[in-house]
Amino acid sequence: MSGRLDHVKAMPKPGIQILSETPGTGPELGRGDRVRVRYDVRLNRGDVLANDREEVLTVGDRETVAGFWYGLEGMRSGGSRRFKASPHLCYRDEELAGIPRNAVLCFDIKSVEIVTD
């Protein structure tokens, strides 16, 4: 992935830190679009929570934490992005198996594409 951020207009939401991005050439993702996403998730300290996971999801649904969707905002189909999401956009002070309270999550969106089937 490219480390250049010249093309990034603005941070999608407070609490999202974009680390790197390779822009896609397809249409911009929109709320309600079905997308196929391949990604990794880890804690800020490096512990892996999900490795090379692929799912088909609906943009903006409540199947995953808000930080995941906010980090995808502005992406185009075919792109990739690495970003960090603050605890208030993830699990806050809730402790889950393998995820401590107030954890910063790091997402590596390896690919995203709009599904039209």
C-alpha atoms as a PDB file:
ATOM      1  CA  MET A   1       0.000   0.000   0.000  1.00  0.00           C
ATOM      2  CA  SER A   2       1.101   3.515  -0.652  1.00  0.00           C
ATOM      3  CA  GLY A   3       1.919   5.704   2.319  1.00  0.00           C
ATOM      4  CA  ARG A   4       0.884   8.860   0.429  1.00  0.00           C
ATOM      5  CA  LEU A   5      -2.188  10.681   1.642  1.00  0.00           C
ATOM      6  CA  ASP A   6      -2.209  13.619  -0.814  1.00  0.00           C
ATOM      7  CA  HIS A   7      -5.571  12.524  -2.257  1.00  0.00           C
ATOM      8  CA  VAL A   8      -7.332  12.124   1.094  1.00  0.00           C
ATOM      9  CA  LYS A   9      -9.694  15.099   1.429  1.00  0.00           C
ATOM     10  CA  ALA A  10     -10.408  14.893   5.147  1.00  0.00           C
ATOM     11  CA  MET A  11     -10.596  12.378   7.924  1.00  0.00           C
ATOM     12  CA  PRO A  12     -13.907  10.539   7.644  1.00  0.00           C
ATOM     13  CA  LYS A  13     -14.916  11.082  11.306  1.00  0.00           C
ATOM     14  CA  PRO A  14     -13.221  12.197  14.521  1.00  0.00           C
ATOM     15  CA  GLY A  15     -11.627   9.117  16.046  1.00  0.00           C
ATOM     16  CA  ILE A  16     -10.440   7.664  12.720  1.00  0.00           C
ATOM     17  CA  GLN A  17      -6.771   7.979  11.794  1.00  0.00           C
ATOM     18  CA  ILE A  18      -5.930   6.969   8.224  1.00  0.00           C
ATOM     19  CA  LEU A  19      -2.435   5.491   8.096  1.00  0.00           C
ATOM     20  CA  SER A  20      -2.164   4.674   4.388  1.00  0.00           C
ATOM     21  CA  GLU A  21      -4.388   4.307   1.364  1.00  0.00           C
ATOM     22  CA  THR A  22      -4.398   3.152  -2.223  1.00  0.00           C
ATOM     23  CA  PRO A  23      -7.397   4.734  -3.940  1.00  0.00           C
ATOM     24  CA  GLY A  24      -9.769   2.590  -5.949  1.00  0.00           C
ATOM     25  CA  THR A  25     -10.953   3.454  -9.427  1.00  0.00           C
ATOM     26  CA  GLY A  26     -14.536   2.228  -9.059  1.00  0.00           C
ATOM     27  CA  PRO A  27     -17.589   3.938  -7.627  1.00  0.00           C
ATOM     28  CA  GLU A  28     -17.533   5.420  -4.125  1.00  0.00           C
ATOM     29  CA  LEU A  29     -19.119   3.212  -1.471  1.00  0.00           C
ATOM     30  CA  GLY A  30     -22.520   4.434  -0.352  1.00  0.00           C
ATOM     31  CA  ARG A  31     -24.834   3.660   2.534  1.00  0.00           C
ATOM     32  CA  GLY A  32     -26.851   0.555   1.705  1.00  0.00           C
ATOM     33  CA  ASP A  33     -24.357  -0.809  -0.856  1.00  0.00           C
ATOM     34  CA  ARG A  34     -23.493  -4.494  -0.511  1.00  0.00           C
ATOM     35  CA  VAL A  35     -19.715  -4.789  -0.441  1.00  0.00           C
ATOM     36  CA  ARG A  36     -17.200  -7.632  -0.367  1.00  0.00           C
ATOM     37  CA  VAL A  37     -14.434  -6.668   2.051  1.00  0.00           C
ATOM     38  CA  ARG A  38     -11.187  -8.504   2.784  1.00  0.00           C
ATOM     39  CA  TYR A  39      -9.476  -7.271   5.934  1.00  0.00           C
ATOM     40  CA  ASP A  40      -7.315  -7.799   9.020  1.00  0.00           C
ATOM     41  CA  VAL A  41      -8.034  -6.395  12.481  1.00  0.00           C
ATOM     42  CA  ARG A  42      -5.543  -6.078  15.308  1.00  0.00           C
ATOM     43  CA  LEU A  43      -5.160  -4.267  18.576  1.00  0.00           C
ATOM     44  CA  ASN A  44      -2.952  -1.190  18.606  1.00  0.00           C
ATOM     45  CA  ARG A  45      -0.347  -3.224  20.530  1.00  0.00           C
ATOM     46  CA  GLY A  46      -0.252  -5.757  17.664  1.00  0.00           C
ATOM     47  CA  ASP A  47      -2.433  -8.673  18.820  1.00  0.00           C
ATOM     48  CA  VAL A  48      -4.268 -10.125  15.795  1.00  0.00           C
ATOM     49  CA  LEU A  49      -8.066 -10.338  16.133  1.00  0.00           C
ATOM     50  CA  ALA A  50      -8.924 -11.289  12.534  1.00  0.00           C
ATOM     51  CA  ASN A  51      -6.553 -12.273   9.764  1.00  0.00           C
ATOM     52  CA  ASP A  52      -7.451 -12.170   6.067  1.00  0.00           C
ATOM     53  CA  ARG A  53     -11.186 -12.287   6.751  1.00  0.00           C
ATOM     54  CA  GLU A  54     -13.545 -11.854   3.802  1.00  0.00           C
ATOM     55  CA  GLU A  55     -17.195 -10.928   4.208  1.00  0.00           C
ATOM     56  CA  VAL A  56     -20.071  -9.483   2.235  1.00  0.00           C
ATOM     57  CA  LEU A  57     -21.710  -6.715   4.276  1.00  0.00           C
ATOM     58  CA  THR A  58     -24.105  -3.829   3.786  1.00  0.00           C
ATOM     59  CA  VAL A  59     -22.488  -0.405   4.224  1.00  0.00           C
ATOM     60  CA  GLY A  60     -23.778   1.267   7.369  1.00  0.00           C
ATOM     61  CA  ASP A  61     -25.518  -1.739   8.902  1.00  0.00           C
ATOM     62  CA  ARG A  62     -24.955  -2.656  12.509  1.00  0.00           C
ATOM     63  CA  GLU A  63     -23.190  -5.963  11.857  1.00  0.00           C
ATOM     64  CA  THR A  64     -19.876  -4.490  12.966  1.00  0.00           C
ATOM     65  CA  VAL A  65     -18.490  -1.582  15.015  1.00  0.00           C
ATOM     66  CA  ALA A  66     -19.037   2.002  13.825  1.00  0.00           C
ATOM     67  CA  GLY A  67     -15.286   2.535  13.498  1.00  0.00           C
ATOM     68  CA  PHE A  68     -15.175  -0.037  10.704  1.00  0.00           C
ATOM     69  CA  TRP A  69     -17.782   1.842   8.632  1.00  0.00           C
ATOM     70  CA  TYR A  70     -16.443   5.299   9.411  1.00  0.00           C
ATOM     71  CA  GLY A  71     -13.005   4.129   8.289  1.00  0.00           C
ATOM     72  CA  LEU A  72     -14.457   3.003   4.951  1.00  0.00           C
ATOM     73  CA  GLU A  73     -16.180   6.340   4.265  1.00  0.00           C
ATOM     74  CA  GLY A  74     -14.925   7.942   1.083  1.00  0.00           C
ATOM     75  CA  MET A  75     -13.341   4.742  -0.249  1.00  0.00           C
ATOM     76  CA  ARG A  76     -13.887   3.680  -3.828  1.00  0.00           C
ATOM     77  CA  SER A  77     -14.396   0.137  -5.046  1.00  0.00           C
ATOM     78  CA  GLY A  78     -11.018  -1.484  -5.735  1.00  0.00           C
ATOM     79  CA  GLY A  79      -9.194   0.524  -3.064  1.00  0.00           C
ATOM     80  CA  SER A  80      -7.380  -0.423   0.126  1.00  0.00           C
ATOM     81  CA  ARG A  81      -6.811   1.485   3.362  1.00  0.00           C
ATOM     82  CA  ARG A  82      -5.162   1.116   6.765  1.00  0.00           C
ATOM     83  CA  PHE A  83      -6.657   3.043   9.667  1.00  0.00           C
ATOM     84  CA  LYS A  84      -7.027   3.154  13.428  1.00  0.00           C
ATOM     85  CA  ALA A  85     -10.373   3.550  15.181  1.00  0.00           C
ATOM     86  CA  SER A  86     -10.641   5.033  18.660  1.00  0.00           C
ATOM     87  CA  PRO A  87     -12.385   3.114  21.467  1.00  0.00           C
ATOM     88  CA  HIS A  88     -15.512   5.309  21.338  1.00  0.00           C
ATOM     89  CA  LEU A  89     -16.116   4.003  17.786  1.00  0.00           C
ATOM     90  CA  CYS A  90     -15.458   0.387  18.742  1.00  0.00           C
ATOM     91  CA  TYR A  91     -16.174  -1.325  22.074  1.00  0.00           C
ATOM     92  CA  ARG A  92     -15.579   1.593  24.488  1.00  0.00           C
ATOM     93  CA  ASP A  93     -15.016   0.317  28.041  1.00  0.00           C
ATOM     94  CA  GLU A  94     -16.538  -3.079  27.300  1.00  0.00           C
ATOM     95  CA  GLU A  95     -14.105  -5.973  27.700  1.00  0.00           C
ATOM     96  CA  LEU A  96     -14.518  -8.873  25.277  1.00  0.00           C
ATOM     97  CA  ALA A  97     -12.536 -12.055  24.753  1.00  0.00           C
ATOM     98  CA  GLY A  98      -9.149 -10.882  23.488  1.00  0.00           C
ATOM     99  CA  ILE A  99     -10.163  -7.193  23.421  1.00  0.00           C
ATOM    100  CA  PRO A 100      -9.321  -5.121  26.505  1.00  0.00           C
ATOM    101  CA  ARG A 101     -11.359  -2.129  27.664  1.00  0.00           C
ATOM    102  CA  ASN A 102     -10.822   1.090  25.699  1.00  0.00           C
ATOM    103  CA  ALA A 103      -8.909  -0.674  22.933  1.00  0.00           C
ATOM    104  CA  VAL A 104      -7.838   1.123  19.764  1.00  0.00           C
ATOM    105  CA  LEU A 105      -8.483  -1.179  16.794  1.00  0.00           C
ATOM    106  CA  CYS A 106      -6.298  -1.159  13.685  1.00  0.00           C
ATOM    107  CA  PHE A 107      -7.977  -2.166  10.434  1.00  0.00           C
ATOM    108  CA  ASP A 108      -6.187  -3.168   7.246  1.00  0.00           C
ATOM    109  CA  ILE A 109      -8.792  -3.113   4.472  1.00  0.00           C
ATOM    110  CA  LYS A 110      -6.987  -5.140   1.811  1.00  0.00           C
ATOM    111  CA  SER A 111      -9.755  -4.861  -0.774  1.00  0.00           C
ATOM    112  CA  VAL A 112     -13.289  -3.640  -1.082  1.00  0.00           C
ATOM    113  CA  GLU A 113     -15.689  -3.986  -3.983  1.00  0.00           C
ATOM    114  CA  ILE A 114     -19.365  -3.288  -4.506  1.00  0.00           C
ATOM    115  CA  VAL A 115     -21.339  -6.486  -5.075  1.00  0.00           C
ATOM    116  CA  THR A 116     -24.038  -6.202  -7.714  1.00  0.00           C
ATOM    117  CA  ASP A 117     -25.553  -9.716  -7.697  1.00  0.00           C
END
